[in-house]
PDB file of N, CA and C in Angstrom:
ATOM      1  N   MET A   1       1.478  12.945  -9.562  1.00  0.00           N
ATOM      2  CA  MET A   1       0.790  12.003 -10.420  1.00  0.00           C
ATOM      3  C   MET A   1       1.576  10.710 -10.520  1.00  0.00           C
ATOM      4  N   LEU A   2       2.878  10.850 -10.680  1.00  0.00           N
ATOM      5  CA  LEU A   2       3.750   9.696 -10.808  1.00  0.00           C
ATOM      6  C   LEU A   2       3.719   8.844  -9.549  1.00  0.00           C
ATOM      7  N   LEU A   3       3.750   9.505  -8.403  1.00  0.00           N
ATOM      8  CA  LEU A   3       3.718   8.767  -7.145  1.00  0.00           C
ATOM      9  C   LEU A   3       2.381   8.056  -6.952  1.00  0.00           C
ATOM     10  N   PHE A   4       1.298   8.664  -7.416  1.00  0.00           N
ATOM     11  CA  PHE A   4      -0.004   8.016  -7.320  1.00  0.00           C
ATOM     12  C   PHE A   4      -0.050   6.766  -8.183  1.00  0.00           C
ATOM     13  N   LEU A   5       0.537   6.827  -9.373  1.00  0.00           N
ATOM     14  CA  LEU A   5       0.593   5.651 -10.240  1.00  0.00           C
ATOM     15  C   LEU A   5       1.396   4.536  -9.591  1.00  0.00           C
ATOM     16  N   ILE A   6       2.519   4.890  -8.992  1.00  0.00           N
ATOM     17  CA  ILE A   6       3.352   3.893  -8.328  1.00  0.00           C
ATOM     18  C   ILE A   6       2.610   3.291  -7.143  1.00  0.00           C
ATOM     19  N   ALA A   7       1.974   4.139  -6.350  1.00  0.00           N
ATOM     20  CA  ALA A   7       1.221   3.651  -5.193  1.00  0.00           C
ATOM     21  C   ALA A   7       0.057   2.766  -5.635  1.00  0.00           C
ATOM     22  N   GLY A   8      -0.620   3.153  -6.695  1.00  0.00           N
ATOM     23  CA  GLY A   8      -1.728   2.344  -7.216  1.00  0.00           C
ATOM     24  C   GLY A   8      -1.256   0.995  -7.711  1.00  0.00           C
ATOM     25  N   ALA A   9      -0.157   0.983  -8.449  1.00  0.00           N
ATOM     26  CA  ALA A   9       0.387  -0.280  -8.953  1.00  0.00           C
ATOM     27  C   ALA A   9       0.821  -1.182  -7.805  1.00  0.00           C
ATOM     28  N   ALA A  10       1.425  -0.590  -6.784  1.00  0.00           N
ATOM     29  CA  ALA A  10       1.850  -1.380  -5.623  1.00  0.00           C
ATOM     30  C   ALA A  10       0.648  -1.950  -4.890  1.00  0.00           C
ATOM     31  N   SER A  11      -0.410  -1.167  -4.740  1.00  0.00           N
ATOM     32  CA  SER A  11      -1.618  -1.631  -4.050  1.00  0.00           C
ATOM     33  C   SER A  11      -2.277  -2.779  -4.803  1.00  0.00           C
ATOM     34  N   ILE A  12      -2.381  -2.628  -6.110  1.00  0.00           N
ATOM     35  CA  ILE A  12      -2.985  -3.682  -6.930  1.00  0.00           C
ATOM     36  C   ILE A  12      -2.146  -4.950  -6.859  1.00  0.00           C
ATOM     37  N   SER A  13      -0.827  -4.792  -6.905  1.00  0.00           N
ATOM     38  CA  SER A  13       0.062  -5.948  -6.823  1.00  0.00           C
ATOM     39  C   SER A  13      -0.103  -6.666  -5.490  1.00  0.00           C
ATOM     40  N   LEU A  14      -0.226  -5.911  -4.406  1.00  0.00           N
ATOM     41  CA  LEU A  14      -0.392  -6.513  -3.089  1.00  0.00           C
ATOM     42  C   LEU A  14      -1.693  -7.294  -3.001  1.00  0.00           C
ATOM     43  N   VAL A  15      -2.770  -6.720  -3.498  1.00  0.00           N
ATOM     44  CA  VAL A  15      -4.066  -7.408  -3.452  1.00  0.00           C
ATOM     45  C   VAL A  15      -4.015  -8.678  -4.289  1.00  0.00           C
ATOM     46  N   LEU A  16      -3.411  -8.608  -5.472  1.00  0.00           N
ATOM     47  CA  LEU A  16      -3.295  -9.797  -6.314  1.00  0.00           C
ATOM     48  C   LEU A  16      -2.440 -10.856  -5.646  1.00  0.00           C
ATOM     49  N   TYR A  17      -1.370 -10.428  -4.986  1.00  0.00           N
ATOM     50  CA  TYR A  17      -0.526 -11.383  -4.264  1.00  0.00           C
ATOM     51  C   TYR A  17      -1.310 -12.037  -3.137  1.00  0.00           C
ATOM     52  N   LEU A  18      -2.060 -11.217  -2.384  1.00  0.00           N
ATOM     53  CA  LEU A  18      -2.838 -11.766  -1.271  1.00  0.00           C
ATOM     54  C   LEU A  18      -3.918 -12.727  -1.760  1.00  0.00           C
ATOM     55  N   LEU A  19      -4.483 -12.430  -2.891  1.00  0.00           N
ATOM     56  CA  LEU A  19      -5.490 -13.330  -3.439  1.00  0.00           C
ATOM     57  C   LEU A  19      -4.854 -14.620  -3.937  1.00  0.00           C
ATOM     58  N   GLY A  20      -3.566 -14.581  -4.213  1.00  0.00           N
ATOM     59  CA  GLY A  20      -2.836 -15.790  -4.564  1.00  0.00           C
ATOM     60  C   GLY A  20      -3.167 -16.348  -5.929  1.00  0.00           C
ATOM     61  N   PHE A  21      -3.789 -15.570  -6.778  1.00  0.00           N
ATOM     62  CA  PHE A  21      -4.122 -16.009  -8.119  1.00  0.00           C
ATOM     63  C   PHE A  21      -4.820 -17.376  -8.113  1.00  0.00           C
ATOM     64  N   GLY A  22      -5.742 -17.562  -7.177  1.00  0.00           N
ATOM     65  CA  GLY A  22      -6.541 -18.770  -7.184  1.00  0.00           C
ATOM     66  C   GLY A  22      -6.016 -19.892  -6.307  1.00  0.00           C
ATOM     67  N   ARG A  23      -4.903 -19.724  -5.635  1.00  0.00           N
ATOM     68  CA  ARG A  23      -4.380 -20.783  -4.774  1.00  0.00           C
ATOM     69  C   ARG A  23      -5.171 -20.773  -3.466  1.00  0.00           C
ATOM     70  N   LYS A  24      -5.927 -21.819  -3.231  1.00  0.00           N
ATOM     71  CA  LYS A  24      -6.804 -21.884  -2.065  1.00  0.00           C
ATOM     72  C   LYS A  24      -6.044 -22.131  -0.769  1.00  0.00           C
ATOM     73  N   ASP A  25      -4.819 -22.669  -0.855  1.00  0.00           N
ATOM     74  CA  ASP A  25      -4.099 -22.992   0.370  1.00  0.00           C
ATOM     75  C   ASP A  25      -3.305 -21.819   0.919  1.00  0.00           C
ATOM     76  N   LEU A  26      -3.361 -20.686   0.316  1.00  0.00           N
ATOM     77  CA  LEU A  26      -2.606 -19.525   0.773  1.00  0.00           C
ATOM     78  C   LEU A  26      -3.292 -18.931   1.997  1.00  0.00           C
ATOM     79  N   GLN A  27      -2.567 -18.878   3.108  1.00  0.00           N
ATOM     80  CA  GLN A  27      -3.151 -18.411   4.365  1.00  0.00           C
ATOM     81  C   GLN A  27      -3.599 -16.956   4.271  1.00  0.00           C
ATOM     82  N   ALA A  28      -2.832 -16.123   3.568  1.00  0.00           N
ATOM     83  CA  ALA A  28      -3.197 -14.710   3.433  1.00  0.00           C
ATOM     84  C   ALA A  28      -4.512 -14.567   2.685  1.00  0.00           C
ATOM     85  N   ARG A  29      -4.721 -15.414   1.685  1.00  0.00           N
ATOM     86  CA  ARG A  29      -5.967 -15.351   0.927  1.00  0.00           C
ATOM     87  C   ARG A  29      -7.153 -15.690   1.827  1.00  0.00           C
ATOM     88  N   GLN A  30      -6.997 -16.726   2.643  1.00  0.00           N
ATOM     89  CA  GLN A  30      -8.073 -17.128   3.536  1.00  0.00           C
ATOM     90  C   GLN A  30      -8.385 -16.034   4.545  1.00  0.00           C
ATOM     91  N   MET A  31      -7.327 -15.401   5.065  1.00  0.00           N
ATOM     92  CA  MET A  31      -7.519 -14.321   6.020  1.00  0.00           C
ATOM     93  C   MET A  31      -8.246 -13.152   5.354  1.00  0.00           C
ATOM     94  N   LEU A  32      -7.851 -12.819   4.137  1.00  0.00           N
ATOM     95  CA  LEU A  32      -8.490 -11.723   3.414  1.00  0.00           C
ATOM     96  C   LEU A  32      -9.950 -12.042   3.118  1.00  0.00           C
ATOM     97  N   GLU A  33     -10.216 -13.270   2.681  1.00  0.00           N
ATOM     98  CA  GLU A  33     -11.595 -13.655   2.379  1.00  0.00           C
ATOM     99  C   GLU A  33     -12.477 -13.600   3.617  1.00  0.00           C
ATOM    100  N   SER A  34     -11.975 -14.105   4.751  1.00  0.00           N
ATOM    101  CA  SER A  34     -12.795 -14.087   5.960  1.00  0.00           C
ATOM    102  C   SER A  34     -12.999 -12.658   6.467  1.00  0.00           C
ATOM    103  N   SER A  35     -11.980 -11.813   6.321  1.00  0.00           N
ATOM    104  CA  SER A  35     -12.123 -10.418   6.753  1.00  0.00           C
ATOM    105  C   SER A  35     -13.155  -9.681   5.911  1.00  0.00           C
ATOM    106  N   VAL A  36     -13.090  -9.896   4.589  1.00  0.00           N
ATOM    107  CA  VAL A  36     -14.060  -9.238   3.699  1.00  0.00           C
ATOM    108  C   VAL A  36     -15.462  -9.754   3.993  1.00  0.00           C
ATOM    109  N   SER A  37     -15.581 -11.056   4.219  1.00  0.00           N
ATOM    110  CA  SER A  37     -16.888 -11.634   4.536  1.00  0.00           C
ATOM    111  C   SER A  37     -17.437 -11.058   5.843  1.00  0.00           C
ATOM    112  N   ASP A  38     -16.590 -10.997   6.864  1.00  0.00           N
ATOM    113  CA  ASP A  38     -17.025 -10.419   8.141  1.00  0.00           C
ATOM    114  C   ASP A  38     -17.380  -8.948   7.990  1.00  0.00           C
ATOM    115  N   TRP A  39     -16.599  -8.229   7.181  1.00  0.00           N
ATOM    116  CA  TRP A  39     -16.871  -6.808   6.968  1.00  0.00           C
ATOM    117  C   TRP A  39     -18.226  -6.620   6.296  1.00  0.00           C
ATOM    118  N   ARG A  40     -18.494  -7.448   5.276  1.00  0.00           N
ATOM    119  CA  ARG A  40     -19.772  -7.336   4.571  1.00  0.00           C
ATOM    120  C   ARG A  40     -20.944  -7.678   5.483  1.00  0.00           C
ATOM    121  N   ASN A  41     -20.752  -8.639   6.390  1.00  0.00           N
ATOM    122  CA  ASN A  41     -21.823  -9.046   7.299  1.00  0.00           C
ATOM    123  C   ASN A  41     -21.843  -8.226   8.581  1.00  0.00           C
ATOM    124  N   ASP A  42     -20.949  -7.260   8.667  1.00  0.00           N
ATOM    125  CA  ASP A  42     -20.846  -6.396   9.847  1.00  0.00           C
ATOM    126  C   ASP A  42     -20.553  -7.213  11.106  1.00  0.00           C
ATOM    127  N   ASP A  43     -19.711  -8.264  10.947  1.00  0.00           N
ATOM    128  CA  ASP A  43     -19.365  -9.133  12.067  1.00  0.00           C
ATOM    129  C   ASP A  43     -17.994  -8.830  12.654  1.00  0.00           C
ATOM    130  N   LEU A  44     -17.329  -7.809  12.179  1.00  0.00           N
ATOM    131  CA  LEU A  44     -16.022  -7.484  12.730  1.00  0.00           C
ATOM    132  C   LEU A  44     -16.198  -6.905  14.125  1.00  0.00           C
ATOM    133  N   SER A  45     -15.338  -7.324  15.038  1.00  0.00           N
ATOM    134  CA  SER A  45     -15.414  -6.778  16.392  1.00  0.00           C
ATOM    135  C   SER A  45     -14.009  -6.526  16.899  1.00  0.00           C
ATOM    136  N   LEU A  46     -13.920  -5.668  17.865  1.00  0.00           N
ATOM    137  CA  LEU A  46     -12.635  -5.347  18.464  1.00  0.00           C
ATOM    138  C   LEU A  46     -12.424  -6.112  19.764  1.00  0.00           C
ATOM    139  N   ASP A  47     -13.312  -7.038  20.074  1.00  0.00           N
ATOM    140  CA  ASP A  47     -13.208  -7.794  21.322  1.00  0.00           C
ATOM    141  C   ASP A  47     -11.975  -8.693  21.363  1.00  0.00           C
ATOM    142  N   SER A  48     -11.469  -9.090  20.211  1.00  0.00           N
ATOM    143  CA  SER A  48     -10.326  -9.996  20.182  1.00  0.00           C
ATOM    144  C   SER A  48      -9.000  -9.272  20.378  1.00  0.00           C
ATOM    145  N   PHE A  49      -9.039  -7.969  20.462  1.00  0.00           N
ATOM    146  CA  PHE A  49      -7.823  -7.191  20.653  1.00  0.00           C
ATOM    147  C   PHE A  49      -7.723  -6.730  22.101  1.00  0.00           C
ATOM    148  N   GLU A  50      -6.506  -6.752  22.608  1.00  0.00           N
ATOM    149  CA  GLU A  50      -6.274  -6.306  23.975  1.00  0.00           C
ATOM    150  C   GLU A  50      -5.453  -5.017  23.937  1.00  0.00           C
ATOM    151  N   VAL A  51      -5.940  -4.021  24.618  1.00  0.00           N
ATOM    152  CA  VAL A  51      -5.246  -2.737  24.669  1.00  0.00           C
ATOM    153  C   VAL A  51      -4.650  -2.577  26.058  1.00  0.00           C
ATOM    154  N   LYS A  52      -3.351  -2.355  26.105  1.00  0.00           N
ATOM    155  CA  LYS A  52      -2.677  -2.162  27.388  1.00  0.00           C
ATOM    156  C   LYS A  52      -2.366  -0.686  27.560  1.00  0.00           C
ATOM    157  N   VAL A  53      -2.704  -0.156  28.692  1.00  0.00           N
ATOM    158  CA  VAL A  53      -2.503   1.256  28.980  1.00  0.00           C
ATOM    159  C   VAL A  53      -1.646   1.377  30.228  1.00  0.00           C
ATOM    160  N   LYS A  54      -0.668   2.264  30.160  1.00  0.00           N
ATOM    161  CA  LYS A  54       0.163   2.519  31.329  1.00  0.00           C
ATOM    162  C   LYS A  54       0.258   4.031  31.480  1.00  0.00           C
ATOM    163  N   GLU A  55      -0.230   4.529  32.594  1.00  0.00           N
ATOM    164  CA  GLU A  55      -0.173   5.962  32.827  1.00  0.00           C
ATOM    165  C   GLU A  55       1.236   6.335  33.267  1.00  0.00           C
ATOM    166  N   THR A  56       1.729   7.424  32.718  1.00  0.00           N
ATOM    167  CA  THR A  56       3.075   7.883  33.053  1.00  0.00           C
ATOM    168  C   THR A  56       3.143   9.392  32.890  1.00  0.00           C
ATOM    169  N   ARG A  57       4.189   9.952  33.408  1.00  0.00           N
ATOM    170  CA  ARG A  57       4.383  11.399  33.256  1.00  0.00           C
ATOM    171  C   ARG A  57       4.907  11.689  31.858  1.00  0.00           C
ATOM    172  N   ILE A  58       4.636  12.855  31.362  1.00  0.00           N
ATOM    173  CA  ILE A  58       5.069  13.215  30.014  1.00  0.00           C
ATOM    174  C   ILE A  58       6.597  13.269  29.916  1.00  0.00           C
ATOM    175  N   ASP A  59       7.271  13.634  30.989  1.00  0.00           N
ATOM    176  CA  ASP A  59       8.742  13.655  30.975  1.00  0.00           C
ATOM    177  C   ASP A  59       9.317  12.271  30.738  1.00  0.00           C
ATOM    178  N   ASP A  60       8.659  11.242  31.267  1.00  0.00           N
ATOM    179  CA  ASP A  60       9.139   9.874  31.093  1.00  0.00           C
ATOM    180  C   ASP A  60       9.080   9.429  29.632  1.00  0.00           C
ATOM    181  N   VAL A  61       8.106   9.936  28.903  1.00  0.00           N
ATOM    182  CA  VAL A  61       7.996   9.576  27.487  1.00  0.00           C
ATOM    183  C   VAL A  61       9.231  10.042  26.734  1.00  0.00           C
ATOM    184  N   PHE A  62       9.695  11.238  27.022  1.00  0.00           N
ATOM    185  CA  PHE A  62      10.832  11.783  26.295  1.00  0.00           C
ATOM    186  C   PHE A  62      12.166  11.205  26.754  1.00  0.00           C
ATOM    187  N   THR A  63      12.243  10.717  27.975  1.00  0.00           N
ATOM    188  CA  THR A  63      13.503  10.145  28.456  1.00  0.00           C
ATOM    189  C   THR A  63      13.582   8.643  28.221  1.00  0.00           C
ATOM    190  N   THR A  64      12.514   8.024  27.776  1.00  0.00           N
ATOM    191  CA  THR A  64      12.505   6.578  27.537  1.00  0.00           C
ATOM    192  C   THR A  64      13.350   6.202  26.334  1.00  0.00           C
ATOM    193  N   PHE A  65      13.307   7.007  25.298  1.00  0.00           N
ATOM    194  CA  PHE A  65      13.967   6.679  24.041  1.00  0.00           C
ATOM    195  C   PHE A  65      15.302   7.399  23.922  1.00  0.00           C
ATOM    196  N   VAL A  66      16.205   6.777  23.176  1.00  0.00           N
ATOM    197  CA  VAL A  66      17.521   7.359  22.949  1.00  0.00           C
ATOM    198  C   VAL A  66      17.367   8.607  22.088  1.00  0.00           C
ATOM    199  N   GLU A  67      18.101   9.642  22.428  1.00  0.00           N
ATOM    200  CA  GLU A  67      18.023  10.872  21.643  1.00  0.00           C
ATOM    201  C   GLU A  67      18.657  10.666  20.276  1.00  0.00           C
ATOM    202  N   ALA A  68      18.092  11.315  19.297  1.00  0.00           N
ATOM    203  CA  ALA A  68      18.618  11.215  17.935  1.00  0.00           C
ATOM    204  C   ALA A  68      19.835  12.107  17.786  1.00  0.00           C
ATOM    205  N   ASP A  69      20.722  11.701  16.887  1.00  0.00           N
ATOM    206  CA  ASP A  69      21.853  12.566  16.554  1.00  0.00           C
ATOM    207  C   ASP A  69      21.332  13.773  15.789  1.00  0.00           C
ATOM    208  N   GLY A  70      21.933  14.898  15.974  1.00  0.00           N
ATOM    209  CA  GLY A  70      21.488  16.109  15.288  1.00  0.00           C
ATOM    210  C   GLY A  70      20.320  16.724  16.008  1.00  0.00           C
ATOM    211  N   ASP A  71      19.420  17.326  15.246  1.00  0.00           N
ATOM    212  CA  ASP A  71      18.310  18.017  15.882  1.00  0.00           C
ATOM    213  C   ASP A  71      17.105  17.106  16.137  1.00  0.00           C
ATOM    214  N   GLY A  72      17.154  15.857  15.673  1.00  0.00           N
ATOM    215  CA  GLY A  72      16.072  14.922  15.952  1.00  0.00           C
ATOM    216  C   GLY A  72      14.886  15.019  15.015  1.00  0.00           C
ATOM    217  N   TYR A  73      14.942  15.876  14.039  1.00  0.00           N
ATOM    218  CA  TYR A  73      13.852  16.024  13.091  1.00  0.00           C
ATOM    219  C   TYR A  73      14.337  15.676  11.689  1.00  0.00           C
ATOM    220  N   ILE A  74      13.432  15.174  10.885  1.00  0.00           N
ATOM    221  CA  ILE A  74      13.752  14.874   9.497  1.00  0.00           C
ATOM    222  C   ILE A  74      13.201  16.004   8.646  1.00  0.00           C
ATOM    223  N   ASN A  75      14.047  16.555   7.824  1.00  0.00           N
ATOM    224  CA  ASN A  75      13.613  17.618   6.928  1.00  0.00           C
ATOM    225  C   ASN A  75      12.947  17.014   5.696  1.00  0.00           C
ATOM    226  N   PHE A  76      12.071  17.774   5.106  1.00  0.00           N
ATOM    227  CA  PHE A  76      11.341  17.333   3.929  1.00  0.00           C
ATOM    228  C   PHE A  76      12.248  17.196   2.711  1.00  0.00           C
ATOM    229  N   GLU A  77      13.208  18.059   2.567  1.00  0.00           N
ATOM    230  CA  GLU A  77      14.028  18.097   1.351  1.00  0.00           C
ATOM    231  C   GLU A  77      14.762  16.792   1.053  1.00  0.00           C
ATOM    232  N   PRO A  78      15.467  16.193   2.025  1.00  0.00           N
ATOM    233  CA  PRO A  78      16.150  14.934   1.698  1.00  0.00           C
ATOM    234  C   PRO A  78      15.183  13.813   1.312  1.00  0.00           C
ATOM    235  N   ILE A  79      14.030  13.785   1.966  1.00  0.00           N
ATOM    236  CA  ILE A  79      13.042  12.765   1.624  1.00  0.00           C
ATOM    237  C   ILE A  79      12.520  13.000   0.220  1.00  0.00           C
ATOM    238  N   ASN A  80      12.183  14.233  -0.094  1.00  0.00           N
ATOM    239  CA  ASN A  80      11.676  14.565  -1.418  1.00  0.00           C
ATOM    240  C   ASN A  80      12.724  14.267  -2.484  1.00  0.00           C
ATOM    241  N   ASP A  81      13.976  14.611  -2.213  1.00  0.00           N
ATOM    242  CA  ASP A  81      15.035  14.343  -3.181  1.00  0.00           C
ATOM    243  C   ASP A  81      15.163  12.852  -3.452  1.00  0.00           C
ATOM    244  N   ARG A  82      15.093  12.049  -2.401  1.00  0.00           N
ATOM    245  CA  ARG A  82      15.225  10.596  -2.566  1.00  0.00           C
ATOM    246  C   ARG A  82      14.034  10.013  -3.316  1.00  0.00           C
ATOM    247  N   VAL A  83      12.829  10.474  -3.004  1.00  0.00           N
ATOM    248  CA  VAL A  83      11.634   9.991  -3.698  1.00  0.00           C
ATOM    249  C   VAL A  83      11.705  10.349  -5.175  1.00  0.00           C
ATOM    250  N   MET A  84      12.122  11.563  -5.482  1.00  0.00           N
ATOM    251  CA  MET A  84      12.243  11.970  -6.883  1.00  0.00           C
ATOM    252  C   MET A  84      13.329  11.170  -7.597  1.00  0.00           C
ATOM    253  N   GLU A  85      14.399  10.862  -6.888  1.00  0.00           N
ATOM    254  CA  GLU A  85      15.480  10.055  -7.453  1.00  0.00           C
ATOM    255  C   GLU A  85      14.953   8.666  -7.829  1.00  0.00           C
ATOM    256  N   ILE A  86      14.151   8.091  -6.948  1.00  0.00           N
ATOM    257  CA  ILE A  86      13.571   6.775  -7.214  1.00  0.00           C
ATOM    258  C   ILE A  86      12.562   6.861  -8.356  1.00  0.00           C
ATOM    259  N   ALA A  87      11.699   7.871  -8.311  1.00  0.00           N
ATOM    260  CA  ALA A  87      10.654   8.010  -9.322  1.00  0.00           C
ATOM    261  C   ALA A  87      11.217   8.242 -10.710  1.00  0.00           C
ATOM    262  N   GLU A  88      12.351   8.903 -10.789  1.00  0.00           N
ATOM    263  CA  GLU A  88      12.945   9.201 -12.094  1.00  0.00           C
ATOM    264  C   GLU A  88      13.926   8.126 -12.560  1.00  0.00           C
ATOM    265  N   SER A  89      14.069   7.057 -11.787  1.00  0.00           N
ATOM    266  CA  SER A  89      15.002   5.993 -12.172  1.00  0.00           C
ATOM    267  C   SER A  89      14.500   5.264 -13.416  1.00  0.00           C
ATOM    268  N   ASP A  90      15.406   4.636 -14.116  1.00  0.00           N
ATOM    269  CA  ASP A  90      15.056   3.919 -15.349  1.00  0.00           C
ATOM    270  C   ASP A  90      14.070   2.788 -15.089  1.00  0.00           C
ATOM    271  N   ARG A  91      14.245   2.086 -13.975  1.00  0.00           N
ATOM    272  CA  ARG A  91      13.364   0.958 -13.665  1.00  0.00           C
ATOM    273  C   ARG A  91      11.929   1.425 -13.455  1.00  0.00           C
ATOM    274  N   VAL A  92      11.750   2.479 -12.664  1.00  0.00           N
ATOM    275  CA  VAL A  92      10.396   2.978 -12.403  1.00  0.00           C
ATOM    276  C   VAL A  92       9.782   3.538 -13.684  1.00  0.00           C
ATOM    277  N   GLN A  93      10.572   4.225 -14.471  1.00  0.00           N
ATOM    278  CA  GLN A  93      10.062   4.765 -15.731  1.00  0.00           C
ATOM    279  C   GLN A  93       9.618   3.648 -16.671  1.00  0.00           C
ATOM    280  N   SER A  94      10.370   2.535 -16.712  1.00  0.00           N
ATOM    281  CA  SER A  94       9.966   1.427 -17.579  1.00  0.00           C
ATOM    282  C   SER A  94       8.682   0.777 -17.062  1.00  0.00           C
ATOM    283  N   ILE A  95       8.504   0.724 -15.739  1.00  0.00           N
ATOM    284  CA  ILE A  95       7.263   0.181 -15.168  1.00  0.00           C
ATOM    285  C   ILE A  95       6.083   1.077 -15.546  1.00  0.00           C
ATOM    286  N   ILE A  96       6.287   2.377 -15.454  1.00  0.00           N
ATOM    287  CA  ILE A  96       5.220   3.320 -15.803  1.00  0.00           C
ATOM    288  C   ILE A  96       4.859   3.213 -17.283  1.00  0.00           C
ATOM    289  N   GLU A  97       5.876   3.148 -18.127  1.00  0.00           N
ATOM    290  CA  GLU A  97       5.614   3.026 -19.563  1.00  0.00           C
ATOM    291  C   GLU A  97       4.868   1.734 -19.875  1.00  0.00           C
ATOM    292  N   GLY A  98       5.277   0.642 -19.235  1.00  0.00           N
ATOM    293  CA  GLY A  98       4.586  -0.631 -19.443  1.00  0.00           C
ATOM    294  C   GLY A  98       3.157  -0.581 -18.958  1.00  0.00           C
ATOM    295  N   SER A  99       2.932   0.082 -17.825  1.00  0.00           N
ATOM    296  CA  SER A  99       1.576   0.218 -17.297  1.00  0.00           C
ATOM    297  C   SER A  99       0.710   1.050 -18.231  1.00  0.00           C
ATOM    298  N   GLU A 100       1.286   2.128 -18.759  1.00  0.00           N
ATOM    299  CA  GLU A 100       0.526   2.980 -19.689  1.00  0.00           C
ATOM    300  C   GLU A 100       0.163   2.217 -20.949  1.00  0.00           C
ATOM    301  N   LYS A 101       1.088   1.378 -21.446  1.00  0.00           N
ATOM    302  CA  LYS A 101       0.792   0.574 -22.637  1.00  0.00           C
ATOM    303  C   LYS A 101      -0.321  -0.422 -22.336  1.00  0.00           C
ATOM    304  N   ALA A 102      -0.270  -1.047 -21.153  1.00  0.00           N
ATOM    305  CA  ALA A 102      -1.309  -2.009 -20.783  1.00  0.00           C
ATOM    306  C   ALA A 102      -2.659  -1.320 -20.637  1.00  0.00           C
ATOM    307  N   ILE A 103      -2.674  -0.135 -20.053  1.00  0.00           N
ATOM    308  CA  ILE A 103      -3.924   0.612 -19.905  1.00  0.00           C
ATOM    309  C   ILE A 103      -4.473   1.004 -21.270  1.00  0.00           C
ATOM    310  N   ASP A 104      -3.612   1.484 -22.153  1.00  0.00           N
ATOM    311  CA  ASP A 104      -4.047   1.845 -23.508  1.00  0.00           C
ATOM    312  C   ASP A 104      -4.615   0.635 -24.242  1.00  0.00           C
ATOM    313  N   LYS A 105      -3.937  -0.511 -24.097  1.00  0.00           N
ATOM    314  CA  LYS A 105      -4.418  -1.726 -24.753  1.00  0.00           C
ATOM    315  C   LYS A 105      -5.775  -2.121 -24.182  1.00  0.00           C
ATOM    316  N   GLY A 106      -5.922  -2.025 -22.858  1.00  0.00           N
ATOM    317  CA  GLY A 106      -7.211  -2.334 -22.237  1.00  0.00           C
ATOM    318  C   GLY A 106      -8.313  -1.415 -22.724  1.00  0.00           C
ATOM    319  N   ARG A 107      -7.995  -0.145 -22.873  1.00  0.00           N
ATOM    320  CA  ARG A 107      -8.995   0.809 -23.374  1.00  0.00           C
ATOM    321  C   ARG A 107      -9.416   0.458 -24.790  1.00  0.00           C
ATOM    322  N   ARG A 108      -8.435   0.072 -25.636  1.00  0.00           N
ATOM    323  CA  ARG A 108      -8.764  -0.293 -27.021  1.00  0.00           C
ATOM    324  C   ARG A 108      -9.634  -1.546 -27.056  1.00  0.00           C
ATOM    325  N   VAL A 109      -9.309  -2.521 -26.200  1.00  0.00           N
ATOM    326  CA  VAL A 109     -10.089  -3.760 -26.165  1.00  0.00           C
ATOM    327  C   VAL A 109     -11.507  -3.477 -25.712  1.00  0.00           C
ATOM    328  N   PHE A 110     -11.663  -2.671 -24.653  1.00  0.00           N
ATOM    329  CA  PHE A 110     -13.002  -2.344 -24.174  1.00  0.00           C
ATOM    330  C   PHE A 110     -13.760  -1.487 -25.165  1.00  0.00           C
ATOM    331  N   ALA A 111     -13.060  -0.613 -25.867  1.00  0.00           N
ATOM    332  CA  ALA A 111     -13.718   0.218 -26.876  1.00  0.00           C
ATOM    333  C   ALA A 111     -14.223  -0.639 -28.017  1.00  0.00           C
ATOM    334  N   LYS A 112     -13.429  -1.639 -28.427  1.00  0.00           N
ATOM    335  CA  LYS A 112     -13.860  -2.532 -29.500  1.00  0.00           C
ATOM    336  C   LYS A 112     -15.049  -3.387 -29.067  1.00  0.00           C
ATOM    337  N   SER A 113     -14.990  -3.896 -27.825  1.00  0.00           N
ATOM    338  CA  SER A 113     -16.078  -4.751 -27.353  1.00  0.00           C
ATOM    339  C   SER A 113     -17.365  -3.962 -27.156  1.00  0.00           C
ATOM    340  N   SER A 114     -17.276  -2.712 -26.719  1.00  0.00           N
ATOM    341  CA  SER A 114     -18.485  -1.915 -26.524  1.00  0.00           C
ATOM    342  C   SER A 114     -19.062  -1.447 -27.860  1.00  0.00           C
ATOM    343  N   SER A 115     -18.203  -1.244 -28.851  1.00  0.00           N
ATOM    344  CA  SER A 115     -18.710  -0.815 -30.153  1.00  0.00           C
ATOM    345  C   SER A 115     -19.300  -1.996 -30.918  1.00  0.00           C
ATOM    346  N   ALA A 116     -18.851  -3.214 -30.587  1.00  0.00           N
ATOM    347  CA  ALA A 116     -19.385  -4.417 -31.250  1.00  0.00           C
ATOM    348  C   ALA A 116     -20.779  -4.739 -30.753  1.00  0.00           C
ATOM    349  N   GLU A 117     -21.124  -4.287 -29.572  1.00  0.00           N
ATOM    350  CA  GLU A 117     -22.456  -4.572 -29.009  1.00  0.00           C
ATOM    351  C   GLU A 117     -23.435  -3.682 -29.679  1.00  0.00           C
TER     352      GLU A 117
END
């Protein structure tokens, strides 16, 4: 649940950044607007992309890259431990608490406005 909240907050922050809070000269905003417009009009095409294919033997794929130290695989435990360490940090907890307060305040505001109607 905690990771979903963090991922959601990060996604919302990225979209708000890309929108540029109303700055029309932001190139990312223009790109996002044109992409959404093309998507809505079903004008997106893959013709502008070039795909390069090179046939090779499967052995060549494994010998192309440098071998990793150790067994070459990442175990789940160290990743999980690090993610939990980050999620339980004071900074992330304060962000979550602030987000929960903002959500609660938004709910109260919407509840008041809907009851006033």
